Amino acid sequence: FNKIKTNVEWLQKNSDREYSLNLKQYDIDQKQMKSVFKQIEDAYKLAKPMDVKNIAADTTDANRTKEKTERNQQFVKKVGEDIYIDQSVKILNRMIISENIAKKN
């Protein structure tokens, strides 16, 4: 998240700057901008997607039509690749483990 923040701040700072009329310098600037965008995209990708599945009640409803099935599969895939949901799950797991350890002591 820090890398994302740093890159976004860099983009904001450089979004309104003046560009050189020198074609070579302009190309260098554009490559640098594309590199930062790529870093941001890569930072949003999980190394390994989460294993997300529907509960039984949702599976029954989602499989009623072909369109619903396809939309549900796309939704489950997006959720499994979402960095914010991944971090939220990790935080909740740590909280649950901490609470269980506290109860044992």
C-alpha atoms as a PDB file:
ATOM      1  CA  PHE A   1       0.000   0.000   0.000  1.00  0.00           C
ATOM      2  CA  ASN A   2       2.898   2.346   0.653  1.00  0.00           C
ATOM      3  CA  LYS A   3       4.235   1.743  -2.848  1.00  0.00           C
ATOM      4  CA  ILE A   4       0.811   2.506  -4.320  1.00  0.00           C
ATOM      5  CA  LYS A   5       0.606   5.696  -2.268  1.00  0.00           C
ATOM      6  CA  THR A   6       4.092   6.809  -3.302  1.00  0.00           C
ATOM      7  CA  ASN A   7       3.429   6.187  -6.983  1.00  0.00           C
ATOM      8  CA  VAL A   8       0.051   7.938  -6.914  1.00  0.00           C
ATOM      9  CA  GLU A   9       1.619  10.951  -5.225  1.00  0.00           C
ATOM     10  CA  TRP A  10       4.326  11.004  -7.912  1.00  0.00           C
ATOM     11  CA  LEU A  11       1.670  10.884 -10.635  1.00  0.00           C
ATOM     12  CA  GLN A  12      -0.282  13.718  -9.034  1.00  0.00           C
ATOM     13  CA  LYS A  13       2.844  15.829  -8.759  1.00  0.00           C
ATOM     14  CA  ASN A  14       3.807  15.187 -12.384  1.00  0.00           C
ATOM     15  CA  SER A  15       0.370  15.305 -13.992  1.00  0.00           C
ATOM     16  CA  ASP A  16       0.321  19.087 -14.498  1.00  0.00           C
ATOM     17  CA  ARG A  17       3.948  19.590 -15.345  1.00  0.00           C
ATOM     18  CA  GLU A  18       5.258  21.031 -18.563  1.00  0.00           C
ATOM     19  CA  TYR A  19       6.585  18.645 -21.182  1.00  0.00           C
ATOM     20  CA  SER A  20       9.602  19.143 -23.349  1.00  0.00           C
ATOM     21  CA  LEU A  21       9.123  19.777 -27.049  1.00  0.00           C
ATOM     22  CA  ASN A  22      12.197  17.684 -27.610  1.00  0.00           C
ATOM     23  CA  LEU A  23      10.834  14.386 -28.922  1.00  0.00           C
ATOM     24  CA  LYS A  24      13.515  12.266 -27.249  1.00  0.00           C
ATOM     25  CA  GLN A  25      12.929  13.878 -23.849  1.00  0.00           C
ATOM     26  CA  TYR A  26       9.165  13.533 -24.301  1.00  0.00           C
ATOM     27  CA  ASP A  27       9.560   9.799 -25.038  1.00  0.00           C
ATOM     28  CA  ILE A  28      11.682   9.384 -21.913  1.00  0.00           C
ATOM     29  CA  ASP A  29       9.030  11.183 -19.844  1.00  0.00           C
ATOM     30  CA  GLN A  30       6.264   9.004 -21.288  1.00  0.00           C
ATOM     31  CA  LYS A  31       8.200   5.805 -20.604  1.00  0.00           C
ATOM     32  CA  GLN A  32       8.713   6.924 -17.015  1.00  0.00           C
ATOM     33  CA  MET A  33       4.979   7.653 -16.669  1.00  0.00           C
ATOM     34  CA  LYS A  34       4.073   4.238 -18.127  1.00  0.00           C
ATOM     35  CA  SER A  35       6.532   2.580 -15.762  1.00  0.00           C
ATOM     36  CA  VAL A  36       4.852   4.168 -12.748  1.00  0.00           C
ATOM     37  CA  PHE A  37       1.404   3.127 -14.021  1.00  0.00           C
ATOM     38  CA  LYS A  38       2.693  -0.433 -14.463  1.00  0.00           C
ATOM     39  CA  GLN A  39       4.080  -0.442 -10.916  1.00  0.00           C
ATOM     40  CA  ILE A  40       0.689   0.655  -9.588  1.00  0.00           C
ATOM     41  CA  GLU A  41      -1.103  -2.052 -11.581  1.00  0.00           C
ATOM     42  CA  ASP A  42       1.342  -4.690 -10.343  1.00  0.00           C
ATOM     43  CA  ALA A  43       0.934  -3.508  -6.744  1.00  0.00           C
ATOM     44  CA  TYR A  44      -2.824  -4.071  -6.995  1.00  0.00           C
ATOM     45  CA  LYS A  45      -2.386  -7.672  -8.131  1.00  0.00           C
ATOM     46  CA  LEU A  46      -2.230 -10.456  -5.589  1.00  0.00           C
ATOM     47  CA  ALA A  47       0.587 -12.973  -5.921  1.00  0.00           C
ATOM     48  CA  LYS A  48      -1.968 -15.729  -5.412  1.00  0.00           C
ATOM     49  CA  PRO A  49      -5.719 -15.118  -5.711  1.00  0.00           C
ATOM     50  CA  MET A  50      -7.857 -16.009  -2.701  1.00  0.00           C
ATOM     51  CA  ASP A  51     -10.005 -19.122  -2.843  1.00  0.00           C
ATOM     52  CA  VAL A  52     -13.496 -17.589  -2.845  1.00  0.00           C
ATOM     53  CA  LYS A  53     -16.666 -19.673  -3.079  1.00  0.00           C
ATOM     54  CA  ASN A  54     -20.370 -19.010  -2.776  1.00  0.00           C
ATOM     55  CA  ILE A  55     -22.345 -20.376   0.140  1.00  0.00           C
ATOM     56  CA  ALA A  56     -24.936 -23.013  -0.748  1.00  0.00           C
ATOM     57  CA  ALA A  57     -27.886 -20.580  -0.689  1.00  0.00           C
ATOM     58  CA  ASP A  58     -26.156 -18.230  -3.122  1.00  0.00           C
ATOM     59  CA  THR A  59     -25.063 -21.056  -5.419  1.00  0.00           C
ATOM     60  CA  THR A  60     -28.643 -22.200  -5.920  1.00  0.00           C
ATOM     61  CA  ASP A  61     -29.835 -18.724  -6.874  1.00  0.00           C
ATOM     62  CA  ALA A  62     -26.776 -17.933  -9.016  1.00  0.00           C
ATOM     63  CA  ASN A  63     -27.176 -21.080 -11.120  1.00  0.00           C
ATOM     64  CA  ARG A  64     -30.762 -20.405 -12.220  1.00  0.00           C
ATOM     65  CA  THR A  65     -29.791 -18.931 -15.580  1.00  0.00           C
ATOM     66  CA  LYS A  66     -26.697 -18.938 -17.743  1.00  0.00           C
ATOM     67  CA  GLU A  67     -26.344 -15.155 -17.445  1.00  0.00           C
ATOM     68  CA  LYS A  68     -26.531 -15.264 -13.642  1.00  0.00           C
ATOM     69  CA  THR A  69     -23.965 -18.052 -13.561  1.00  0.00           C
ATOM     70  CA  GLU A  70     -21.545 -16.079 -15.736  1.00  0.00           C
ATOM     71  CA  ARG A  71     -22.013 -12.859 -13.729  1.00  0.00           C
ATOM     72  CA  ASN A  72     -21.523 -14.768 -10.484  1.00  0.00           C
ATOM     73  CA  GLN A  73     -18.327 -16.386 -11.765  1.00  0.00           C
ATOM     74  CA  GLN A  74     -16.966 -12.964 -12.773  1.00  0.00           C
ATOM     75  CA  PHE A  75     -17.918 -11.533  -9.372  1.00  0.00           C
ATOM     76  CA  VAL A  76     -16.267 -14.394  -7.453  1.00  0.00           C
ATOM     77  CA  LYS A  77     -13.111 -14.031  -9.573  1.00  0.00           C
ATOM     78  CA  LYS A  78     -12.950 -10.253  -8.947  1.00  0.00           C
ATOM     79  CA  VAL A  79     -13.454 -10.711  -5.210  1.00  0.00           C
ATOM     80  CA  GLY A  80     -10.695 -13.342  -5.130  1.00  0.00           C
ATOM     81  CA  GLU A  81      -8.254 -10.916  -6.757  1.00  0.00           C
ATOM     82  CA  ASP A  82      -9.169  -7.802  -4.750  1.00  0.00           C
ATOM     83  CA  ILE A  83      -6.207  -6.579  -2.704  1.00  0.00           C
ATOM     84  CA  TYR A  84      -8.413  -4.666  -0.252  1.00  0.00           C
ATOM     85  CA  ILE A  85     -10.581  -7.685   0.517  1.00  0.00           C
ATOM     86  CA  ASP A  86      -7.432  -9.785   0.871  1.00  0.00           C
ATOM     87  CA  GLN A  87      -5.968  -7.363   3.414  1.00  0.00           C
ATOM     88  CA  SER A  88      -9.292  -7.168   5.279  1.00  0.00           C
ATOM     89  CA  VAL A  89      -9.445 -10.957   5.535  1.00  0.00           C
ATOM     90  CA  LYS A  90      -5.867 -11.080   6.832  1.00  0.00           C
ATOM     91  CA  ILE A  91      -6.627  -8.443   9.473  1.00  0.00           C
ATOM     92  CA  LEU A  92      -9.787 -10.265  10.595  1.00  0.00           C
ATOM     93  CA  ASN A  93      -7.888 -13.562  10.801  1.00  0.00           C
ATOM     94  CA  ARG A  94      -5.235 -11.924  12.995  1.00  0.00           C
ATOM     95  CA  MET A  95      -7.955 -10.471  15.229  1.00  0.00           C
ATOM     96  CA  ILE A  96      -9.638 -13.870  15.572  1.00  0.00           C
ATOM     97  CA  ILE A  97      -6.331 -15.580  16.378  1.00  0.00           C
ATOM     98  CA  SER A  98      -5.472 -12.881  18.927  1.00  0.00           C
ATOM     99  CA  GLU A  99      -8.878 -13.249  20.581  1.00  0.00           C
ATOM    100  CA  ASN A 100      -8.524 -17.035  20.727  1.00  0.00           C
ATOM    101  CA  ILE A 101      -5.062 -16.743  22.279  1.00  0.00           C
ATOM    102  CA  ALA A 102      -6.419 -14.244  24.847  1.00  0.00           C
ATOM    103  CA  LYS A 103      -9.248 -16.643  25.756  1.00  0.00           C
ATOM    104  CA  LYS A 104      -6.802 -19.504  26.306  1.00  0.00           C
ATOM    105  CA  ASN A 105      -4.708 -17.438  28.699  1.00  0.00           C
END
